[in-house]
Protein backbone atom coordinates (compact mmCIF):
# COMPACT_ATOMS: atom_id res chain seq x y z
CA MET A 1 59.08 9.72 -72.23
CA ASP A 2 59.42 5.91 -73.06
CA ALA A 3 61.49 4.95 -76.14
CA PRO A 4 59.58 3.78 -79.19
CA LEU A 5 59.25 0.00 -79.35
CA ILE A 6 61.76 -0.43 -82.20
CA ASP A 7 64.38 1.53 -80.19
CA ARG A 8 63.64 -0.44 -77.16
CA THR A 9 63.98 -3.84 -78.83
CA VAL A 10 67.30 -2.77 -80.44
CA ASP A 11 68.71 -1.75 -77.08
CA LEU A 12 67.38 -4.94 -75.48
CA GLN A 13 69.15 -6.98 -78.18
CA THR A 14 72.57 -5.81 -76.58
CA HIS A 15 71.59 -7.74 -73.44
CA VAL A 16 71.00 -11.05 -75.23
CA GLN A 17 73.33 -13.84 -74.02
CA PRO A 18 73.20 -17.61 -74.49
CA VAL A 19 72.34 -19.74 -71.50
CA ALA A 20 75.41 -21.60 -70.11
CA PRO A 21 75.40 -24.88 -68.15
CA THR A 22 77.10 -23.16 -65.22
CA ASP A 23 74.65 -20.28 -64.97
CA THR A 24 72.55 -20.08 -61.99
CA MET A 25 68.76 -20.86 -62.59
CA ALA A 26 67.92 -17.27 -61.84
CA GLU A 27 70.30 -15.83 -64.23
CA ALA A 28 69.47 -18.53 -66.97
CA GLY A 29 65.86 -17.48 -66.50
CA ARG A 30 66.65 -13.95 -67.22
CA LYS A 31 68.29 -14.93 -70.51
CA VAL A 32 65.40 -17.23 -71.48
CA LEU A 33 62.76 -14.73 -70.61
CA LEU A 34 64.54 -11.77 -72.45
CA LEU A 35 64.41 -13.51 -75.90
CA ASP A 36 60.67 -13.91 -75.73
CA PHE A 37 60.14 -10.45 -74.14
CA ILE A 38 61.97 -8.85 -77.29
CA LYS A 39 59.77 -11.01 -79.58
CA MET A 40 56.59 -9.85 -77.75
CA LEU A 41 57.52 -6.22 -78.19
CA GLU A 42 58.53 -6.86 -81.78
CA HIS A 43 55.11 -8.07 -82.65
CA GLU A 44 53.03 -5.53 -80.58
CA ALA A 45 52.55 -2.97 -83.26
CA GLY A 46 51.46 -5.58 -85.81
CA SER A 47 49.00 -7.02 -83.24
CA ARG A 48 47.44 -3.73 -82.81
CA MET A 49 46.96 -3.12 -86.35
CA GLY A 50 45.85 -6.56 -87.46
CA GLU A 51 47.17 -6.51 -91.03
CA ASP A 52 49.01 -9.76 -90.69
CA ILE A 53 47.41 -12.38 -88.36
CA GLU A 54 50.70 -13.97 -87.64
CA ASP A 55 51.79 -10.88 -85.45
CA VAL A 56 49.11 -11.88 -83.01
CA HIS A 57 50.05 -15.51 -83.17
CA ASP A 58 53.79 -14.70 -82.60
CA MET A 59 53.07 -12.28 -79.76
CA ARG A 60 50.75 -14.80 -78.12
CA VAL A 61 53.36 -17.48 -78.44
CA SER A 62 55.94 -15.32 -76.71
CA THR A 63 53.52 -14.50 -73.73
CA ARG A 64 52.85 -18.16 -73.36
CA ARG A 65 56.49 -19.16 -73.19
CA MET A 66 57.21 -16.29 -70.74
CA ARG A 67 54.34 -17.50 -68.52
CA SER A 68 55.74 -21.07 -68.76
CA ALA A 69 59.25 -19.87 -68.06
CA LEU A 70 58.28 -17.93 -65.05
CA ARG A 71 56.50 -21.05 -63.73
CA THR A 72 59.72 -22.99 -64.14
CA PHE A 73 62.02 -20.35 -62.73
CA GLU A 74 59.71 -19.09 -59.98
CA PRO A 75 61.47 -21.05 -57.20
CA PHE A 76 64.67 -19.06 -57.85
CA TYR A 77 63.17 -15.61 -57.54
CA LYS A 78 61.50 -13.66 -54.85
CA SER A 79 57.72 -14.49 -55.20
CA LYS A 80 56.12 -10.87 -55.39
CA PRO A 81 57.70 -9.71 -58.55
CA VAL A 82 57.04 -13.04 -60.45
CA ARG A 83 53.45 -12.89 -59.31
CA VAL A 84 52.88 -9.47 -60.62
CA PHE A 85 54.67 -10.31 -64.02
CA ARG A 86 52.65 -13.56 -64.44
CA ALA A 87 49.36 -11.72 -63.72
CA GLN A 88 50.18 -9.01 -66.31
CA LEU A 89 51.24 -11.57 -68.93
CA LYS A 90 48.00 -13.58 -68.31
CA LYS A 91 46.00 -10.35 -69.13
CA VAL A 92 47.90 -9.86 -72.38
CA ALA A 93 47.75 -13.49 -73.38
CA ASP A 94 43.93 -13.54 -72.82
CA ALA A 95 43.39 -10.58 -74.91
CA LEU A 96 45.59 -12.12 -77.66
CA GLY A 97 44.04 -15.53 -77.36
CA ALA A 98 40.57 -14.00 -78.06
CA VAL A 99 41.75 -12.47 -81.37
CA ARG A 100 43.83 -15.50 -82.31
CA ASP A 101 41.06 -17.89 -81.85
CA LEU A 102 38.92 -16.00 -84.16
CA ASP A 103 41.74 -15.53 -86.73
CA VAL A 104 42.29 -19.36 -86.81
CA LEU A 105 38.57 -20.02 -87.16
CA ILE A 106 37.94 -17.46 -89.92
CA GLU A 107 41.07 -18.72 -91.94
CA ASP A 108 39.83 -22.27 -91.51
CA LEU A 109 36.43 -21.52 -92.76
CA ARG A 110 37.82 -19.55 -95.83
CA GLY A 111 40.10 -22.44 -96.71
CA TRP A 112 37.18 -24.90 -96.47
CA GLU A 113 35.02 -22.56 -98.39
CA GLN A 114 37.49 -22.42 -101.36
CA LYS A 115 38.01 -26.19 -101.42
CA GLN A 116 34.22 -26.92 -101.29
CA ALA A 117 32.96 -24.11 -103.33
CA ILE A 118 30.32 -23.47 -100.60
CA SER A 119 29.72 -20.08 -99.38
CA LEU A 120 30.46 -19.37 -95.68
CA ALA A 121 30.33 -15.60 -96.04
CA ALA A 122 27.47 -15.19 -93.57
CA SER A 123 29.28 -17.12 -90.87
CA ILE A 124 32.62 -15.43 -91.66
CA ALA A 125 30.88 -11.99 -91.28
CA LEU A 126 29.55 -12.79 -87.82
CA LEU A 127 32.85 -14.00 -86.70
CA ASP A 128 34.65 -10.93 -88.06
CA VAL A 129 32.29 -8.66 -86.04
CA ALA A 130 33.41 -10.60 -82.95
CA ARG A 131 37.07 -10.43 -84.05
CA GLN A 132 36.95 -6.56 -84.41
CA ASP A 133 35.55 -6.38 -80.89
CA ALA A 134 38.26 -8.68 -79.66
CA ARG A 135 40.89 -6.48 -81.27
CA ARG A 136 39.45 -3.43 -79.82
CA GLN A 137 39.70 -5.12 -76.41
CA LEU A 138 43.45 -5.94 -77.20
CA GLN A 139 44.33 -2.50 -78.14
CA ARG A 140 42.66 -1.23 -74.85
CA ALA A 141 44.67 -3.74 -72.83
CA LEU A 142 47.97 -2.75 -74.45
CA ASP A 143 47.11 1.00 -73.96
CA LYS A 144 46.54 0.66 -70.27
CA ASN A 145 49.00 2.16 -67.90
CA ASP A 146 49.60 -1.05 -66.00
CA TYR A 147 50.74 -2.68 -69.25
CA ALA A 148 53.21 0.19 -69.70
CA ARG A 149 54.44 -0.23 -66.16
CA PHE A 150 54.70 -4.06 -66.61
CA VAL A 151 56.88 -3.56 -69.82
CA LYS A 152 59.16 -1.03 -68.01
CA GLY A 153 59.43 -3.21 -64.81
CA PHE A 154 59.98 -6.44 -66.74
CA GLU A 155 62.67 -4.79 -68.90
CA SER A 156 64.45 -3.69 -65.73
CA PHE A 157 64.13 -7.12 -64.13
CA LEU A 158 65.54 -8.93 -67.27
CA THR A 159 68.42 -6.68 -67.80
CA THR A 160 69.65 -6.31 -64.11
CA PRO A 161 71.75 -9.19 -62.98
CA GLY A 162 70.66 -10.33 -59.49
CA ALA A 163 67.36 -8.49 -59.63
CA GLY A 164 64.53 -10.42 -57.65
CA SER A 165 66.77 -13.33 -57.18
CA ARG A 166 66.65 -15.48 -53.99
CA THR A 167 69.87 -15.44 -51.95
CA HIS A 168 71.86 -18.49 -51.46
CA ASP A 169 74.97 -19.28 -49.53
CA ALA A 170 77.84 -19.33 -51.99
CA ALA A 171 79.80 -21.73 -49.84
CA ALA A 172 76.97 -24.29 -49.60
CA LEU A 173 77.07 -27.35 -51.85
CA ALA A 174 73.59 -26.89 -53.05
CA PRO A 175 72.31 -27.47 -56.69
CA ILE A 176 71.78 -23.94 -58.10
CA GLN A 177 73.27 -24.16 -61.52
CA VAL A 178 71.38 -25.27 -64.84
CA ARG A 179 73.54 -28.43 -65.22
CA HIS A 180 72.52 -29.40 -61.57
CA ILE A 181 68.79 -28.84 -61.92
CA VAL A 182 67.43 -28.98 -65.52
CA PRO A 183 67.84 -32.84 -65.97
CA ALA A 184 65.61 -33.40 -62.86
CA LEU A 185 63.13 -30.70 -63.90
CA VAL A 186 62.77 -32.34 -67.36
CA TYR A 187 62.25 -35.81 -66.10
CA GLU A 188 59.69 -34.59 -63.45
CA GLN A 189 57.79 -33.01 -66.28
CA LEU A 190 58.13 -36.17 -68.51
CA GLY A 191 56.71 -38.04 -65.61
CA VAL A 192 53.72 -35.73 -65.47
CA VAL A 193 53.02 -36.44 -69.07
CA ARG A 194 53.53 -40.15 -68.93
CA ALA A 195 51.16 -40.39 -66.03
CA TYR A 196 48.24 -39.87 -68.48
CA ASP A 197 48.94 -43.22 -69.85
CA THR A 198 46.09 -44.92 -67.82
CA ALA A 199 43.63 -42.18 -68.62
CA ILE A 200 43.84 -41.53 -72.44
CA GLU A 201 42.14 -44.71 -73.67
CA GLU A 202 38.73 -43.22 -72.98
CA GLY A 203 39.84 -40.17 -74.96
CA GLU A 204 37.77 -37.76 -72.89
CA PRO A 205 38.15 -34.15 -74.36
CA GLU A 206 39.02 -32.63 -71.03
CA THR A 207 41.70 -35.29 -70.39
CA LEU A 208 43.36 -34.88 -73.75
CA HIS A 209 43.37 -30.97 -73.48
CA ALA A 210 44.94 -31.32 -70.01
CA LEU A 211 47.61 -33.73 -71.55
CA ARG A 212 48.21 -31.11 -74.38
CA ILE A 213 48.95 -28.45 -71.81
CA GLU A 214 51.43 -30.90 -70.06
CA PHE A 215 52.93 -31.69 -73.48
CA LYS A 216 53.39 -27.89 -74.15
CA ARG A 217 55.14 -27.45 -70.76
CA LEU A 218 57.60 -30.13 -71.51
CA ARG A 219 58.29 -28.82 -74.94
CA TYR A 220 58.84 -25.26 -73.62
CA LEU A 221 61.10 -26.62 -70.88
CA VAL A 222 63.36 -28.49 -73.34
CA HIS A 223 63.15 -25.47 -75.73
CA PHE A 224 64.51 -23.25 -72.97
CA PHE A 225 67.58 -25.12 -72.59
CA HIS A 226 68.02 -26.83 -76.01
CA GLU A 227 71.34 -24.97 -76.83
CA VAL A 228 73.16 -26.35 -73.85
CA MET A 229 71.82 -30.00 -74.49
CA GLY A 230 72.98 -32.48 -76.92
CA SER A 231 71.97 -32.30 -80.65
CA THR A 232 69.21 -34.88 -80.24
CA ALA A 233 67.31 -32.27 -78.17
CA GLN A 234 66.05 -30.81 -81.53
CA ASP A 235 64.85 -34.14 -82.71
CA PHE A 236 62.98 -34.72 -79.42
CA LEU A 237 61.47 -31.12 -79.82
CA LYS A 238 60.14 -32.08 -83.28
CA ASP A 239 58.50 -35.30 -81.81
CA LEU A 240 56.96 -33.14 -79.07
CA LYS A 241 55.69 -30.70 -81.70
CA ALA A 242 54.00 -33.42 -83.72
CA ILE A 243 52.07 -34.86 -80.80
CA GLN A 244 51.27 -31.44 -79.52
CA ASP A 245 49.87 -30.42 -82.89
CA HIS A 246 47.79 -33.48 -83.17
CA LEU A 247 46.26 -32.82 -79.75
CA GLY A 248 45.92 -29.16 -80.70
CA ARG A 249 43.90 -29.87 -83.82
CA MET A 250 41.56 -31.93 -81.76
CA GLN A 251 41.13 -29.13 -79.27
CA ASP A 252 40.64 -26.55 -82.02
CA VAL A 253 37.77 -28.63 -83.54
CA GLN A 254 36.04 -28.91 -80.16
CA VAL A 255 36.33 -25.11 -79.47
CA ALA A 256 35.21 -24.40 -83.12
CA THR A 257 32.31 -26.68 -82.87
CA GLU A 258 31.06 -24.94 -79.70
CA ARG A 259 31.48 -21.52 -81.23
CA LEU A 260 30.08 -22.09 -84.52
CA GLN A 261 26.93 -23.98 -83.28
CA GLU A 262 26.06 -20.71 -81.49
CA LEU A 263 25.89 -18.99 -84.92
CA LEU A 264 23.33 -21.32 -86.42
CA PRO A 265 20.18 -19.43 -85.09
CA ASP A 266 21.42 -16.11 -86.74
CA LEU A 267 21.87 -17.65 -90.20
CA ASP A 268 19.28 -18.15 -92.96
CA ASP A 269 18.65 -21.58 -94.31
CA GLU A 270 21.51 -21.55 -96.86
CA GLY A 271 23.97 -20.27 -94.52
CA ALA A 272 23.05 -22.77 -91.67
CA ALA A 273 23.27 -25.66 -94.28
CA ALA A 274 26.83 -24.64 -95.35
CA LEU A 275 27.99 -24.20 -91.75
CA THR A 276 26.46 -27.52 -90.74
CA ALA A 277 28.34 -29.20 -93.60
CA TYR A 278 31.54 -27.67 -92.32
CA LEU A 279 30.84 -28.80 -88.76
CA ASP A 280 30.20 -32.31 -90.06
CA ALA A 281 33.59 -32.30 -91.82
CA ILE A 282 35.80 -31.07 -88.94
CA ASN A 283 34.00 -33.46 -86.54
CA ALA A 284 34.67 -36.41 -88.89
CA GLU A 285 38.38 -35.08 -88.85
CA ALA A 286 38.38 -35.09 -85.10
CA ASP A 287 37.09 -38.76 -84.94
CA GLU A 288 39.79 -39.72 -87.25
CA LEU A 289 42.47 -37.86 -85.12
CA GLY A 290 41.08 -39.53 -82.18
CA GLU A 291 41.49 -43.06 -83.63
CA LYS A 292 45.08 -42.30 -84.62
CA PHE A 293 46.08 -40.92 -81.30
CA ALA A 294 46.86 -44.25 -79.69
CA ALA A 295 49.71 -44.86 -82.25
CA VAL A 296 51.00 -41.39 -81.76
CA TRP A 297 51.05 -41.89 -78.01
CA LYS A 298 52.86 -45.28 -78.39
CA ARG A 299 55.54 -43.71 -80.55
CA PHE A 300 56.22 -40.94 -78.12
CA ASN A 301 56.77 -43.67 -75.32
CA SER A 302 59.01 -45.65 -77.54
CA SER A 303 62.62 -46.15 -76.67
CA THR A 304 63.61 -44.55 -79.91
CA VAL A 305 62.06 -41.19 -78.82
CA GLN A 306 63.02 -41.40 -75.23
CA LYS A 307 66.72 -41.98 -76.13
CA LYS A 308 66.73 -38.67 -77.79
CA LEU A 309 65.85 -36.95 -74.70
CA ALA A 310 68.35 -39.04 -72.55
CA THR A 311 71.08 -38.41 -75.01
CA ALA A 312 70.37 -34.63 -74.96
CA LEU A 313 70.48 -34.44 -71.22
CA VAL A 314 73.63 -36.32 -70.86
CA ALA A 315 75.41 -33.24 -72.55
CA LEU A 316 74.73 -31.26 -69.45
């Protein structure tokens, strides 16, 4: 019989170790993944219950980081186990995302409702029905045998040094350690981000959404190794978060607009008028965010921000 989640996470905590610059990338990946695996398990019960919406948020963030980490560390592991782990994490992340998107939307509507003294109760009620269904889908996903097998298999993978690692010739002078590889990985991802420079002027939603994803990958990559980088890594992460949040809000508005417009035919005149007023407000916000993005992008590409990353990587 499997141990209760609380006992499992306590046991896993005994395996937590800091990443070291001299770690092989495979063993560093194990350390990075274990932290978010523990966080995922810690928030599983709360995500099932739904009493605090932050549980779903935190569990979703953990699954996202693990998926990004597996993408980063995949070249240093045998491909089959990584493919299986990534596929299962995607299923969990999708189920969590369906609930989280509705959590955010409902909370935004409630906040605007209070500020404007306009009733959005009818819209919220329709969204809550969808949220309850999404939570049932999440619960079913977490109850499946393949999820239980994933948890057990991933736990073994993360707590067994050498498990699933690609072999390498110990005598060969090849870059296999964190200090050898991470600077190049970070700058490669930075290059992917900065390549958008020629495409963002038009401000196409699809382009900005793709840019947001690449920023997130850069942020996660620096986060995974920030403890072995210089102190300016934390400052660089704050800059990344600011621009990612800016792009994230723009994406949230687009998703909210598409979803809420679908509710309009099911509302009476009063409810439709209230929801239309909210849609007008968030789209005006999106226009303002779009106008400000050029300045945000210029600041990110400035020498002041880029020096923070360069200084952080020198420590490796």
